[in-house]
Amino acid sequence: MKSEEFIKAYENALATQNWKNIEPLVSENVSVTFSDGTIHIGKENVQKAFEGNFNIIKNEKYVIENIKWLVKDKKYAVYLFEFNWTGIIDEKPVSGNGIGTSVLIKEDARWKLLTEHLGRKPK
């Protein structure tokens, strides 16, 4: 898998709302910062955070777009992106969007997410 292909695989895995599909795409040392400012460090903590979101947001659709590659190397890659999501919370439609930065590393000959930082779009 090329670094560019990782993004689609990650997006598709998130769409399943099943950690078992996401887990192979993240590093043991993964850290994720959500747009609300919460920080989750380590695969176990990231799993809990993702599964918490899956339990709250039903039928979530998460789209990654406007990708800008900053670095592509043999062992790591960094990209900026915009994201949009929609879903159902308490039987009401909800949505959100923002900007993000992700760092990928090559582990066991596969691209994996090392860190993802999600934030709000500037006004």
Protein backbone atom coordinates (compact mmCIF):
# COMPACT_ATOMS: atom_id res chain seq x y z
CA MET A 1 0.00 0.00 0.00
CA LYS A 2 1.28 3.46 -0.90
CA SER A 3 0.92 6.35 1.53
CA GLU A 4 -1.82 7.82 -0.69
CA GLU A 5 -3.76 4.55 -0.53
CA PHE A 6 -3.57 4.58 3.26
CA ILE A 7 -5.95 7.55 3.43
CA LYS A 8 -8.74 5.75 1.56
CA ALA A 9 -8.18 2.56 3.58
CA TYR A 10 -8.38 4.59 6.82
CA GLU A 11 -11.51 6.42 5.67
CA ASN A 12 -13.14 3.10 4.71
CA ALA A 13 -12.16 1.51 8.03
CA LEU A 14 -13.65 4.43 9.97
CA ALA A 15 -16.87 4.07 7.96
CA THR A 16 -17.38 0.58 9.40
CA GLN A 17 -17.42 1.99 12.96
CA ASN A 18 -15.59 -1.19 13.99
CA TRP A 19 -12.23 -0.92 15.76
CA LYS A 20 -11.11 -4.31 14.38
CA ASN A 21 -10.98 -2.72 10.92
CA ILE A 22 -9.12 0.39 12.12
CA GLU A 23 -6.63 -1.31 14.45
CA PRO A 24 -4.30 -2.69 11.75
CA LEU A 25 -3.89 0.86 10.40
CA VAL A 26 -2.63 2.45 13.63
CA SER A 27 0.72 2.28 15.36
CA GLU A 28 1.07 0.97 18.92
CA ASN A 29 2.34 4.47 19.76
CA VAL A 30 -0.58 6.28 18.09
CA SER A 31 -1.89 9.56 19.45
CA VAL A 32 -5.06 11.32 18.36
CA THR A 33 -6.21 14.81 19.27
CA PHE A 34 -9.90 15.43 18.61
CA SER A 35 -11.24 18.80 17.55
CA ASP A 36 -12.64 19.31 21.07
CA GLY A 37 -9.05 19.30 22.35
CA THR A 38 -9.06 15.88 24.01
CA ILE A 39 -5.83 13.94 23.55
CA HIS A 40 -5.63 10.15 23.41
CA ILE A 41 -2.20 8.51 23.57
CA GLY A 42 -1.51 4.83 22.93
CA LYS A 43 -3.50 2.30 20.95
CA GLU A 44 -5.68 1.24 23.89
CA ASN A 45 -6.69 4.82 24.71
CA VAL A 46 -7.33 5.66 21.07
CA GLN A 47 -9.49 2.54 20.77
CA LYS A 48 -11.58 3.62 23.77
CA ALA A 49 -12.01 7.12 22.30
CA PHE A 50 -13.02 5.84 18.87
CA GLU A 51 -15.41 3.26 20.28
CA GLY A 52 -16.91 5.95 22.52
CA ASN A 53 -17.61 8.05 19.42
CA PHE A 54 -19.06 5.03 17.61
CA ASN A 55 -21.48 4.47 20.50
CA ILE A 56 -22.62 8.11 20.46
CA ILE A 57 -22.65 8.87 16.72
CA LYS A 58 -24.72 6.41 14.72
CA ASN A 59 -24.41 5.97 10.94
CA GLU A 60 -21.40 8.27 10.84
CA LYS A 61 -20.00 9.21 7.45
CA TYR A 62 -16.47 10.65 7.64
CA VAL A 63 -14.85 12.17 4.55
CA ILE A 64 -11.21 13.21 4.16
CA GLU A 65 -10.56 15.70 1.35
CA ASN A 66 -8.30 18.48 0.07
CA ILE A 67 -5.20 16.52 1.01
CA LYS A 68 -1.88 18.39 0.94
CA TRP A 69 1.25 16.26 1.28
CA LEU A 70 4.05 17.96 3.21
CA VAL A 71 6.51 15.05 3.19
CA LYS A 72 6.57 11.62 1.58
CA ASP A 73 9.55 9.49 2.47
CA LYS A 74 10.21 5.75 2.54
CA LYS A 75 9.56 5.54 6.29
CA TYR A 76 7.23 8.42 7.09
CA ALA A 77 4.73 10.78 5.48
CA VAL A 78 2.90 13.90 6.66
CA TYR A 79 -0.27 15.38 5.21
CA LEU A 80 -2.81 18.11 5.92
CA PHE A 81 -6.49 17.63 5.14
CA GLU A 82 -10.02 18.82 5.64
CA PHE A 83 -12.68 16.53 7.09
CA ASN A 84 -16.46 16.46 7.14
CA TRP A 85 -18.73 14.16 9.07
CA THR A 86 -22.43 13.51 9.43
CA GLY A 87 -24.32 11.14 11.68
CA ILE A 88 -27.16 10.69 14.13
CA ILE A 89 -26.98 11.55 17.85
CA ASP A 90 -30.07 10.98 19.99
CA GLU A 91 -32.09 10.39 16.81
CA LYS A 92 -31.18 13.85 15.44
CA PRO A 93 -28.98 14.54 12.40
CA VAL A 94 -25.64 16.13 13.27
CA SER A 95 -22.59 17.19 11.30
CA GLY A 96 -19.21 18.78 11.67
CA ASN A 97 -16.04 19.63 9.84
CA GLY A 98 -12.52 20.78 10.43
CA ILE A 99 -8.89 20.51 9.46
CA GLY A 100 -6.33 17.91 10.35
CA THR A 101 -2.70 16.90 10.28
CA SER A 102 -1.59 13.28 10.16
CA VAL A 103 1.78 11.58 10.38
CA LEU A 104 2.20 8.09 8.96
CA ILE A 105 5.10 5.75 9.66
CA LYS A 106 6.15 2.52 7.99
CA GLU A 107 5.89 -0.35 10.48
CA ASP A 108 6.15 -4.00 9.52
CA ALA A 109 6.25 -2.92 5.84
CA ARG A 110 2.82 -1.23 6.21
CA TRP A 111 1.78 2.39 6.55
CA LYS A 112 0.28 3.13 9.96
CA LEU A 113 -1.09 6.22 11.62
CA LEU A 114 1.33 7.60 14.21
CA THR A 115 -0.56 10.78 15.05
CA GLU A 116 -3.64 12.65 13.96
CA HIS A 117 -4.55 16.14 15.13
CA LEU A 118 -8.04 17.34 14.29
CA GLY A 119 -9.05 20.97 14.72
CA ARG A 120 -11.70 23.47 13.85
CA LYS A 121 -11.57 25.46 10.64
CA PRO A 122 -10.64 29.11 11.12
CA LYS A 123 -13.56 31.54 10.97
